[in-house]
């Protein structure tokens, strides 16, 4: 742990005058300031899934000043992605999502360290990828990946911010596995459902992806800045048709296989 902190300290970015000008509207906020902005720029965030959630999430993290971002996805852009995956255009169809996303973000800010993983997370590679980052964002669209990410983050005491979308409904979770007795995704859903519920199988309204991906980005920033009113142990449910938000408390399942 000490070694990890030393490595992180040696890689910290210094805030230049041009940087301060760029993010001046955040720095003048009393709850952020120069100290908070320095926390933002030196954070290491991993996004798993560069789809409808990952695109707005990455966009807002980059524009907020996150200095070190990893993105994981082995998919190529398909024409059906374009209604909600806002980093891509028609000319990108057939291209690798992570490489196109990196190119897009580097046009916004060339100083952001964007590391791409053009692969699918597995039991073989998850340690080498996730251990490089402080906060893990799950934007995947299948249960097997969600369980894999949840279980590893629980085991390695990582902070996991997860979102899911389908039809007109979105869910947002935060699992702070650094805290004792925190519930995990398996506590909420102990077993994988027989059928997948995702955009491909059920459809989705495009604006929902933007809303939930942006809420993920907001929760990342709140976590970095240690804001109060923590989402840990709760789930936010958003209904795009009724325009309603609900916060639901999650309970730790004593029978859960993860002893977080």
C-alpha atoms as a PDB file:
ATOM      1  CA  UNK A   1       0.000   0.000   0.000  1.00  0.00           C
ATOM      2  CA  UNK A   2       2.851   2.391   0.853  1.00  0.00           C
ATOM      3  CA  UNK A   3       4.592   1.519  -2.417  1.00  0.00           C
ATOM      4  CA  UNK A   4       1.369   2.197  -4.337  1.00  0.00           C
ATOM      5  CA  UNK A   5       1.075   5.634  -2.689  1.00  0.00           C
ATOM      6  CA  UNK A   6       4.694   6.419  -3.558  1.00  0.00           C
ATOM      7  CA  UNK A   7       4.141   5.488  -7.204  1.00  0.00           C
ATOM      8  CA  UNK A   8       0.982   7.576  -7.338  1.00  0.00           C
ATOM      9  CA  UNK A   9       2.772  10.551  -5.753  1.00  0.00           C
ATOM     10  CA  UNK A  10       5.608  10.366  -8.287  1.00  0.00           C
ATOM     11  CA  UNK A  11       3.079  10.456 -11.146  1.00  0.00           C
ATOM     12  CA  UNK A  12       1.078  13.437  -9.847  1.00  0.00           C
ATOM     13  CA  UNK A  13       0.383  16.213 -12.323  1.00  0.00           C
ATOM     14  CA  UNK A  14       1.173  19.780 -11.343  1.00  0.00           C
ATOM     15  CA  UNK A  15      -1.477  22.447 -11.874  1.00  0.00           C
ATOM     16  CA  UNK A  16      -0.147  25.010 -14.346  1.00  0.00           C
ATOM     17  CA  UNK A  17      -1.629  28.471 -14.934  1.00  0.00           C
ATOM     18  CA  UNK A  18      -3.194  27.312 -18.220  1.00  0.00           C
ATOM     19  CA  UNK A  19      -4.713  24.319 -16.434  1.00  0.00           C
ATOM     20  CA  UNK A  20      -6.114  26.565 -13.711  1.00  0.00           C
ATOM     21  CA  UNK A  21      -7.683  28.787 -16.351  1.00  0.00           C
ATOM     22  CA  UNK A  22      -9.284  25.822 -18.068  1.00  0.00           C
ATOM     23  CA  UNK A  23     -10.904  24.555 -14.891  1.00  0.00           C
ATOM     24  CA  UNK A  24     -11.411  27.919 -13.213  1.00  0.00           C
ATOM     25  CA  UNK A  25     -15.187  27.486 -12.989  1.00  0.00           C
ATOM     26  CA  UNK A  26     -14.652  24.390 -10.832  1.00  0.00           C
ATOM     27  CA  UNK A  27     -11.785  25.815  -8.825  1.00  0.00           C
ATOM     28  CA  UNK A  28     -13.821  28.851  -7.728  1.00  0.00           C
ATOM     29  CA  UNK A  29     -16.376  26.535  -6.138  1.00  0.00           C
ATOM     30  CA  UNK A  30     -15.727  26.647  -2.393  1.00  0.00           C
ATOM     31  CA  UNK A  31     -16.275  22.915  -2.030  1.00  0.00           C
ATOM     32  CA  UNK A  32     -13.621  22.163  -4.668  1.00  0.00           C
ATOM     33  CA  UNK A  33     -10.964  24.874  -4.868  1.00  0.00           C
ATOM     34  CA  UNK A  34      -7.381  24.259  -6.018  1.00  0.00           C
ATOM     35  CA  UNK A  35      -6.948  21.469  -3.474  1.00  0.00           C
ATOM     36  CA  UNK A  36      -9.997  19.593  -4.746  1.00  0.00           C
ATOM     37  CA  UNK A  37      -9.031  20.108  -8.381  1.00  0.00           C
ATOM     38  CA  UNK A  38      -5.621  18.631  -7.629  1.00  0.00           C
ATOM     39  CA  UNK A  39      -7.376  15.549  -6.230  1.00  0.00           C
ATOM     40  CA  UNK A  40      -9.381  15.304  -9.446  1.00  0.00           C
ATOM     41  CA  UNK A  41      -6.397  15.587 -11.777  1.00  0.00           C
ATOM     42  CA  UNK A  42      -4.400  12.981  -9.848  1.00  0.00           C
ATOM     43  CA  UNK A  43      -7.190  10.403  -9.640  1.00  0.00           C
ATOM     44  CA  UNK A  44      -6.973   7.121 -11.514  1.00  0.00           C
ATOM     45  CA  UNK A  45     -10.309   5.983 -12.932  1.00  0.00           C
ATOM     46  CA  UNK A  46     -11.128   2.816 -14.888  1.00  0.00           C
ATOM     47  CA  UNK A  47     -14.199   2.585 -17.135  1.00  0.00           C
ATOM     48  CA  UNK A  48     -15.298  -0.902 -18.130  1.00  0.00           C
ATOM     49  CA  UNK A  49     -17.583  -0.741 -21.161  1.00  0.00           C
ATOM     50  CA  UNK A  50     -17.462   2.009 -23.775  1.00  0.00           C
ATOM     51  CA  UNK A  51     -21.160   1.910 -24.624  1.00  0.00           C
ATOM     52  CA  UNK A  52     -24.153   4.095 -23.860  1.00  0.00           C
ATOM     53  CA  UNK A  53     -23.002   4.629 -20.268  1.00  0.00           C
ATOM     54  CA  UNK A  54     -19.265   4.684 -20.826  1.00  0.00           C
ATOM     55  CA  UNK A  55     -19.344   7.395 -23.501  1.00  0.00           C
ATOM     56  CA  UNK A  56     -20.946  10.217 -21.459  1.00  0.00           C
ATOM     57  CA  UNK A  57     -19.098   9.018 -18.358  1.00  0.00           C
ATOM     58  CA  UNK A  58     -15.733   9.301 -20.111  1.00  0.00           C
ATOM     59  CA  UNK A  59     -16.651  12.628 -21.694  1.00  0.00           C
ATOM     60  CA  UNK A  60     -17.538  14.295 -18.384  1.00  0.00           C
ATOM     61  CA  UNK A  61     -14.610  12.812 -16.488  1.00  0.00           C
ATOM     62  CA  UNK A  62     -12.247  14.147 -19.139  1.00  0.00           C
ATOM     63  CA  UNK A  63     -13.873  17.581 -19.139  1.00  0.00           C
ATOM     64  CA  UNK A  64     -13.750  17.650 -15.328  1.00  0.00           C
ATOM     65  CA  UNK A  65      -9.977  17.219 -15.353  1.00  0.00           C
ATOM     66  CA  UNK A  66      -9.373  13.561 -14.441  1.00  0.00           C
ATOM     67  CA  UNK A  67      -5.746  12.995 -15.359  1.00  0.00           C
ATOM     68  CA  UNK A  68      -5.472   9.217 -15.626  1.00  0.00           C
ATOM     69  CA  UNK A  69      -8.221   7.146 -17.258  1.00  0.00           C
ATOM     70  CA  UNK A  70      -8.322   3.515 -18.362  1.00  0.00           C
ATOM     71  CA  UNK A  71     -10.998   2.200 -20.734  1.00  0.00           C
ATOM     72  CA  UNK A  72     -11.828  -1.465 -21.312  1.00  0.00           C
ATOM     73  CA  UNK A  73     -13.879  -2.804 -24.230  1.00  0.00           C
ATOM     74  CA  UNK A  74     -13.250  -5.272 -27.046  1.00  0.00           C
ATOM     75  CA  UNK A  75     -16.218  -4.241 -29.207  1.00  0.00           C
ATOM     76  CA  UNK A  76     -16.289  -2.431 -32.526  1.00  0.00           C
ATOM     77  CA  UNK A  77     -18.703   0.379 -33.308  1.00  0.00           C
ATOM     78  CA  UNK A  78     -21.958  -0.795 -34.871  1.00  0.00           C
ATOM     79  CA  UNK A  79     -24.539   1.383 -36.626  1.00  0.00           C
ATOM     80  CA  UNK A  80     -27.070   0.473 -33.924  1.00  0.00           C
ATOM     81  CA  UNK A  81     -24.807   2.017 -31.256  1.00  0.00           C
ATOM     82  CA  UNK A  82     -25.039   5.535 -32.616  1.00  0.00           C
ATOM     83  CA  UNK A  83     -28.337   6.565 -31.009  1.00  0.00           C
ATOM     84  CA  UNK A  84     -26.722   6.608 -27.557  1.00  0.00           C
ATOM     85  CA  UNK A  85     -22.938   6.187 -27.809  1.00  0.00           C
ATOM     86  CA  UNK A  86     -22.153   9.861 -28.255  1.00  0.00           C
ATOM     87  CA  UNK A  87     -18.393   9.651 -28.875  1.00  0.00           C
ATOM     88  CA  UNK A  88     -18.887   7.894 -32.210  1.00  0.00           C
ATOM     89  CA  UNK A  89     -20.196   8.888 -35.649  1.00  0.00           C
ATOM     90  CA  UNK A  90     -21.138   7.047 -38.827  1.00  0.00           C
ATOM     91  CA  UNK A  91     -17.561   7.136 -40.102  1.00  0.00           C
ATOM     92  CA  UNK A  92     -16.462   5.241 -36.961  1.00  0.00           C
ATOM     93  CA  UNK A  93     -18.576   2.153 -37.716  1.00  0.00           C
ATOM     94  CA  UNK A  94     -16.334  -0.922 -37.692  1.00  0.00           C
ATOM     95  CA  UNK A  95     -13.592   0.740 -35.645  1.00  0.00           C
ATOM     96  CA  UNK A  96     -12.356  -0.289 -32.202  1.00  0.00           C
ATOM     97  CA  UNK A  97     -14.320   1.570 -29.532  1.00  0.00           C
ATOM     98  CA  UNK A  98     -11.455   2.103 -27.099  1.00  0.00           C
ATOM     99  CA  UNK A  99      -9.082   3.516 -29.703  1.00  0.00           C
ATOM    100  CA  UNK A 100     -11.737   5.837 -31.130  1.00  0.00           C
ATOM    101  CA  UNK A 101     -12.698   6.974 -27.633  1.00  0.00           C
ATOM    102  CA  UNK A 102      -9.071   7.701 -26.746  1.00  0.00           C
ATOM    103  CA  UNK A 103      -8.639   9.731 -29.939  1.00  0.00           C
ATOM    104  CA  UNK A 104     -11.780  11.725 -29.141  1.00  0.00           C
ATOM    105  CA  UNK A 105     -10.703  12.471 -25.565  1.00  0.00           C
ATOM    106  CA  UNK A 106      -7.162  13.425 -26.550  1.00  0.00           C
ATOM    107  CA  UNK A 107      -8.651  16.091 -28.825  1.00  0.00           C
ATOM    108  CA  UNK A 108     -10.365  17.534 -25.759  1.00  0.00           C
ATOM    109  CA  UNK A 109      -7.241  17.421 -23.602  1.00  0.00           C
ATOM    110  CA  UNK A 110      -4.003  15.911 -24.863  1.00  0.00           C
ATOM    111  CA  UNK A 111      -2.550  15.859 -21.337  1.00  0.00           C
ATOM    112  CA  UNK A 112      -4.969  13.191 -20.111  1.00  0.00           C
ATOM    113  CA  UNK A 113      -3.252   9.830 -19.781  1.00  0.00           C
ATOM    114  CA  UNK A 114      -5.686   7.467 -21.498  1.00  0.00           C
ATOM    115  CA  UNK A 115      -4.773   3.781 -21.416  1.00  0.00           C
ATOM    116  CA  UNK A 116      -6.805   1.436 -23.607  1.00  0.00           C
ATOM    117  CA  UNK A 117      -7.511  -2.251 -23.039  1.00  0.00           C
ATOM    118  CA  UNK A 118      -8.963  -3.705 -26.233  1.00  0.00           C
ATOM    119  CA  UNK A 119     -10.072  -6.855 -24.478  1.00  0.00           C
ATOM    120  CA  UNK A 120     -12.863  -8.344 -22.416  1.00  0.00           C
ATOM    121  CA  UNK A 121     -12.305  -8.592 -18.681  1.00  0.00           C
ATOM    122  CA  UNK A 122     -11.722 -12.140 -17.506  1.00  0.00           C
ATOM    123  CA  UNK A 123     -10.463 -13.946 -14.447  1.00  0.00           C
ATOM    124  CA  UNK A 124      -7.044 -14.016 -16.126  1.00  0.00           C
ATOM    125  CA  UNK A 125      -6.604 -10.297 -16.782  1.00  0.00           C
ATOM    126  CA  UNK A 126      -8.823  -8.523 -14.246  1.00  0.00           C
ATOM    127  CA  UNK A 127      -6.133  -8.184 -11.565  1.00  0.00           C
ATOM    128  CA  UNK A 128      -3.531  -6.647 -13.883  1.00  0.00           C
ATOM    129  CA  UNK A 129      -6.054  -4.129 -15.215  1.00  0.00           C
ATOM    130  CA  UNK A 130      -8.087  -3.116 -12.171  1.00  0.00           C
ATOM    131  CA  UNK A 131      -5.165  -2.890  -9.751  1.00  0.00           C
ATOM    132  CA  UNK A 132      -3.835   0.110 -11.694  1.00  0.00           C
ATOM    133  CA  UNK A 133      -6.834   2.271 -10.727  1.00  0.00           C
ATOM    134  CA  UNK A 134      -8.483   3.743  -7.628  1.00  0.00           C
ATOM    135  CA  UNK A 135     -12.134   3.908  -8.716  1.00  0.00           C
ATOM    136  CA  UNK A 136     -13.785   1.356 -10.997  1.00  0.00           C
ATOM    137  CA  UNK A 137     -16.807   2.286 -13.129  1.00  0.00           C
ATOM    138  CA  UNK A 138     -18.928  -0.547 -14.473  1.00  0.00           C
ATOM    139  CA  UNK A 139     -20.878   0.260 -17.629  1.00  0.00           C
ATOM    140  CA  UNK A 140     -21.098  -3.275 -18.988  1.00  0.00           C
ATOM    141  CA  UNK A 141     -24.266  -4.755 -20.454  1.00  0.00           C
ATOM    142  CA  UNK A 142     -24.192  -8.340 -19.239  1.00  0.00           C
ATOM    143  CA  UNK A 143     -24.528 -10.020 -15.845  1.00  0.00           C
ATOM    144  CA  UNK A 144     -21.438 -12.220 -16.065  1.00  0.00           C
ATOM    145  CA  UNK A 145     -19.194  -9.151 -16.391  1.00  0.00           C
ATOM    146  CA  UNK A 146     -21.029  -7.362 -13.579  1.00  0.00           C
ATOM    147  CA  UNK A 147     -20.520 -10.266 -11.201  1.00  0.00           C
ATOM    148  CA  UNK A 148     -16.866 -10.598 -12.191  1.00  0.00           C
ATOM    149  CA  UNK A 149     -16.162  -6.903 -11.571  1.00  0.00           C
ATOM    150  CA  UNK A 150     -18.193  -6.866  -8.352  1.00  0.00           C
ATOM    151  CA  UNK A 151     -16.445  -9.906  -6.914  1.00  0.00           C
ATOM    152  CA  UNK A 152     -12.950  -8.683  -7.695  1.00  0.00           C
ATOM    153  CA  UNK A 153     -13.590  -5.172  -6.390  1.00  0.00           C
ATOM    154  CA  UNK A 154     -14.999  -6.675  -3.199  1.00  0.00           C
ATOM    155  CA  UNK A 155     -11.958  -8.904  -2.765  1.00  0.00           C
ATOM    156  CA  UNK A 156      -9.453  -6.128  -3.485  1.00  0.00           C
ATOM    157  CA  UNK A 157     -11.333  -3.417  -1.513  1.00  0.00           C
ATOM    158  CA  UNK A 158     -11.866  -1.146  -4.501  1.00  0.00           C
ATOM    159  CA  UNK A 159     -14.506   1.552  -4.870  1.00  0.00           C
ATOM    160  CA  UNK A 160     -17.033   0.474  -7.523  1.00  0.00           C
ATOM    161  CA  UNK A 161     -19.559   2.782  -9.183  1.00  0.00           C
ATOM    162  CA  UNK A 162     -21.964   0.870 -11.381  1.00  0.00           C
ATOM    163  CA  UNK A 163     -24.897   1.792 -13.601  1.00  0.00           C
ATOM    164  CA  UNK A 164     -27.374  -0.092 -15.770  1.00  0.00           C
ATOM    165  CA  UNK A 165     -29.980   0.968 -18.325  1.00  0.00           C
ATOM    166  CA  UNK A 166     -32.843  -0.727 -20.153  1.00  0.00           C
ATOM    167  CA  UNK A 167     -35.949   0.622 -21.884  1.00  0.00           C
ATOM    168  CA  UNK A 168     -36.839   3.756 -19.858  1.00  0.00           C
ATOM    169  CA  UNK A 169     -35.248   2.774 -16.534  1.00  0.00           C
ATOM    170  CA  UNK A 170     -31.799   3.314 -15.063  1.00  0.00           C
ATOM    171  CA  UNK A 171     -30.040   2.105 -11.911  1.00  0.00           C
ATOM    172  CA  UNK A 172     -27.019   3.609 -10.173  1.00  0.00           C
ATOM    173  CA  UNK A 173     -24.994   1.867  -7.448  1.00  0.00           C
ATOM    174  CA  UNK A 174     -21.955   2.728  -5.362  1.00  0.00           C
ATOM    175  CA  UNK A 175     -20.131  -0.018  -3.515  1.00  0.00           C
ATOM    176  CA  UNK A 176     -17.364   1.244  -1.239  1.00  0.00           C
ATOM    177  CA  UNK A 177     -15.610  -1.990  -0.381  1.00  0.00           C
ATOM    178  CA  UNK A 178     -13.101  -0.113   1.754  1.00  0.00           C
ATOM    179  CA  UNK A 179     -15.886   0.165   4.321  1.00  0.00           C
ATOM    180  CA  UNK A 180     -16.782  -2.827   6.451  1.00  0.00           C
ATOM    181  CA  UNK A 181     -20.044  -4.697   5.963  1.00  0.00           C
ATOM    182  CA  UNK A 182     -20.991  -2.884   2.761  1.00  0.00           C
ATOM    183  CA  UNK A 183     -23.525  -4.672   0.519  1.00  0.00           C
ATOM    184  CA  UNK A 184     -22.379  -5.794  -2.921  1.00  0.00           C
ATOM    185  CA  UNK A 185     -24.131  -6.445  -6.226  1.00  0.00           C
ATOM    186  CA  UNK A 186     -24.658 -10.098  -5.269  1.00  0.00           C
ATOM    187  CA  UNK A 187     -26.490  -8.960  -2.136  1.00  0.00           C
ATOM    188  CA  UNK A 188     -28.903  -7.123  -4.430  1.00  0.00           C
ATOM    189  CA  UNK A 189     -29.080  -9.890  -7.051  1.00  0.00           C
ATOM    190  CA  UNK A 190     -27.698 -13.211  -5.676  1.00  0.00           C
ATOM    191  CA  UNK A 191     -28.038 -15.173  -8.917  1.00  0.00           C
ATOM    192  CA  UNK A 192     -27.699 -14.366 -12.605  1.00  0.00           C
ATOM    193  CA  UNK A 193     -31.180 -14.065 -14.193  1.00  0.00           C
ATOM    194  CA  UNK A 194     -32.087 -16.555 -16.885  1.00  0.00           C
ATOM    195  CA  UNK A 195     -32.389 -13.777 -19.473  1.00  0.00           C
ATOM    196  CA  UNK A 196     -30.244 -10.697 -20.063  1.00  0.00           C
ATOM    197  CA  UNK A 197     -31.906  -7.296 -19.681  1.00  0.00           C
ATOM    198  CA  UNK A 198     -29.962  -4.835 -21.810  1.00  0.00           C
ATOM    199  CA  UNK A 199     -30.218  -2.417 -24.709  1.00  0.00           C
ATOM    200  CA  UNK A 200     -29.792  -5.105 -27.372  1.00  0.00           C
ATOM    201  CA  UNK A 201     -32.594  -7.296 -26.070  1.00  0.00           C
ATOM    202  CA  UNK A 202     -35.066  -4.691 -24.790  1.00  0.00           C
ATOM    203  CA  UNK A 203     -34.135  -1.366 -26.381  1.00  0.00           C
ATOM    204  CA  UNK A 204     -33.366   1.957 -24.680  1.00  0.00           C
ATOM    205  CA  UNK A 205     -34.191   5.628 -25.079  1.00  0.00           C
ATOM    206  CA  UNK A 206     -30.991   7.506 -25.937  1.00  0.00           C
ATOM    207  CA  UNK A 207     -31.359  10.253 -23.335  1.00  0.00           C
ATOM    208  CA  UNK A 208     -31.437   7.671 -20.516  1.00  0.00           C
ATOM    209  CA  UNK A 209     -27.880   6.585 -21.352  1.00  0.00           C
ATOM    210  CA  UNK A 210     -26.712  10.181 -21.127  1.00  0.00           C
ATOM    211  CA  UNK A 211     -28.471  10.782 -17.814  1.00  0.00           C
ATOM    212  CA  UNK A 212     -27.163   7.655 -16.092  1.00  0.00           C
ATOM    213  CA  UNK A 213     -23.627   7.951 -17.499  1.00  0.00           C
ATOM    214  CA  UNK A 214     -23.517  11.555 -16.305  1.00  0.00           C
ATOM    215  CA  UNK A 215     -24.760  10.500 -12.858  1.00  0.00           C
ATOM    216  CA  UNK A 216     -21.919   7.978 -12.746  1.00  0.00           C
ATOM    217  CA  UNK A 217     -19.439  10.754 -13.534  1.00  0.00           C
ATOM    218  CA  UNK A 218     -20.997  12.922 -10.839  1.00  0.00           C
ATOM    219  CA  UNK A 219     -20.635  10.121  -8.287  1.00  0.00           C
ATOM    220  CA  UNK A 220     -16.987   9.639  -9.272  1.00  0.00           C
ATOM    221  CA  UNK A 221     -16.294  13.319  -8.602  1.00  0.00           C
ATOM    222  CA  UNK A 222     -18.224  13.242  -5.316  1.00  0.00           C
ATOM    223  CA  UNK A 223     -16.168  10.247  -4.236  1.00  0.00           C
ATOM    224  CA  UNK A 224     -12.858  11.876  -5.154  1.00  0.00           C
ATOM    225  CA  UNK A 225     -13.786  15.015  -3.235  1.00  0.00           C
ATOM    226  CA  UNK A 226     -15.175  13.074  -0.245  1.00  0.00           C
ATOM    227  CA  UNK A 227     -18.502  14.873  -0.323  1.00  0.00           C
ATOM    228  CA  UNK A 228     -21.043  13.935   2.307  1.00  0.00           C
ATOM    229  CA  UNK A 229     -24.451  12.342   1.604  1.00  0.00           C
ATOM    230  CA  UNK A 230     -22.761   9.199   0.371  1.00  0.00           C
ATOM    231  CA  UNK A 231     -24.568   6.866  -2.018  1.00  0.00           C
ATOM    232  CA  UNK A 232     -22.845   3.805  -0.534  1.00  0.00           C
ATOM    233  CA  UNK A 233     -25.383   1.194   0.523  1.00  0.00           C
ATOM    234  CA  UNK A 234     -28.107   2.739  -1.612  1.00  0.00           C
ATOM    235  CA  UNK A 235     -29.360   2.448  -5.159  1.00  0.00           C
ATOM    236  CA  UNK A 236     -30.819   5.243  -7.275  1.00  0.00           C
ATOM    237  CA  UNK A 237     -33.605   4.253  -9.659  1.00  0.00           C
ATOM    238  CA  UNK A 238     -34.565   6.667 -12.430  1.00  0.00           C
ATOM    239  CA  UNK A 239     -37.765   6.414 -14.473  1.00  0.00           C
ATOM    240  CA  UNK A 240     -37.393   8.451 -17.663  1.00  0.00           C
ATOM    241  CA  UNK A 241     -41.105   8.238 -18.474  1.00  0.00           C
ATOM    242  CA  UNK A 242     -42.375   9.484 -15.121  1.00  0.00           C
ATOM    243  CA  UNK A 243     -39.299  11.676 -14.579  1.00  0.00           C
ATOM    244  CA  UNK A 244     -38.912  10.242 -11.085  1.00  0.00           C
ATOM    245  CA  UNK A 245     -35.888   9.426  -8.954  1.00  0.00           C
ATOM    246  CA  UNK A 246     -36.047   6.963  -6.072  1.00  0.00           C
ATOM    247  CA  UNK A 247     -33.337   6.074  -3.579  1.00  0.00           C
ATOM    248  CA  UNK A 248     -33.542   2.518  -2.265  1.00  0.00           C
ATOM    249  CA  UNK A 249     -31.458   1.275   0.663  1.00  0.00           C
ATOM    250  CA  UNK A 250     -29.571  -1.954   0.005  1.00  0.00           C
ATOM    251  CA  UNK A 251     -29.082  -4.505   2.748  1.00  0.00           C
ATOM    252  CA  UNK A 252     -26.121  -6.801   3.190  1.00  0.00           C
ATOM    253  CA  UNK A 253     -27.090 -10.416   2.566  1.00  0.00           C
ATOM    254  CA  UNK A 254     -25.632 -12.627   5.291  1.00  0.00           C
ATOM    255  CA  UNK A 255     -25.712 -15.554   2.841  1.00  0.00           C
ATOM    256  CA  UNK A 256     -23.773 -13.698   0.146  1.00  0.00           C
ATOM    257  CA  UNK A 257     -20.694 -15.580  -1.059  1.00  0.00           C
ATOM    258  CA  UNK A 258     -18.680 -12.340  -0.821  1.00  0.00           C
ATOM    259  CA  UNK A 259     -17.683 -11.543   2.735  1.00  0.00           C
ATOM    260  CA  UNK A 260     -16.982  -7.879   2.096  1.00  0.00           C
END
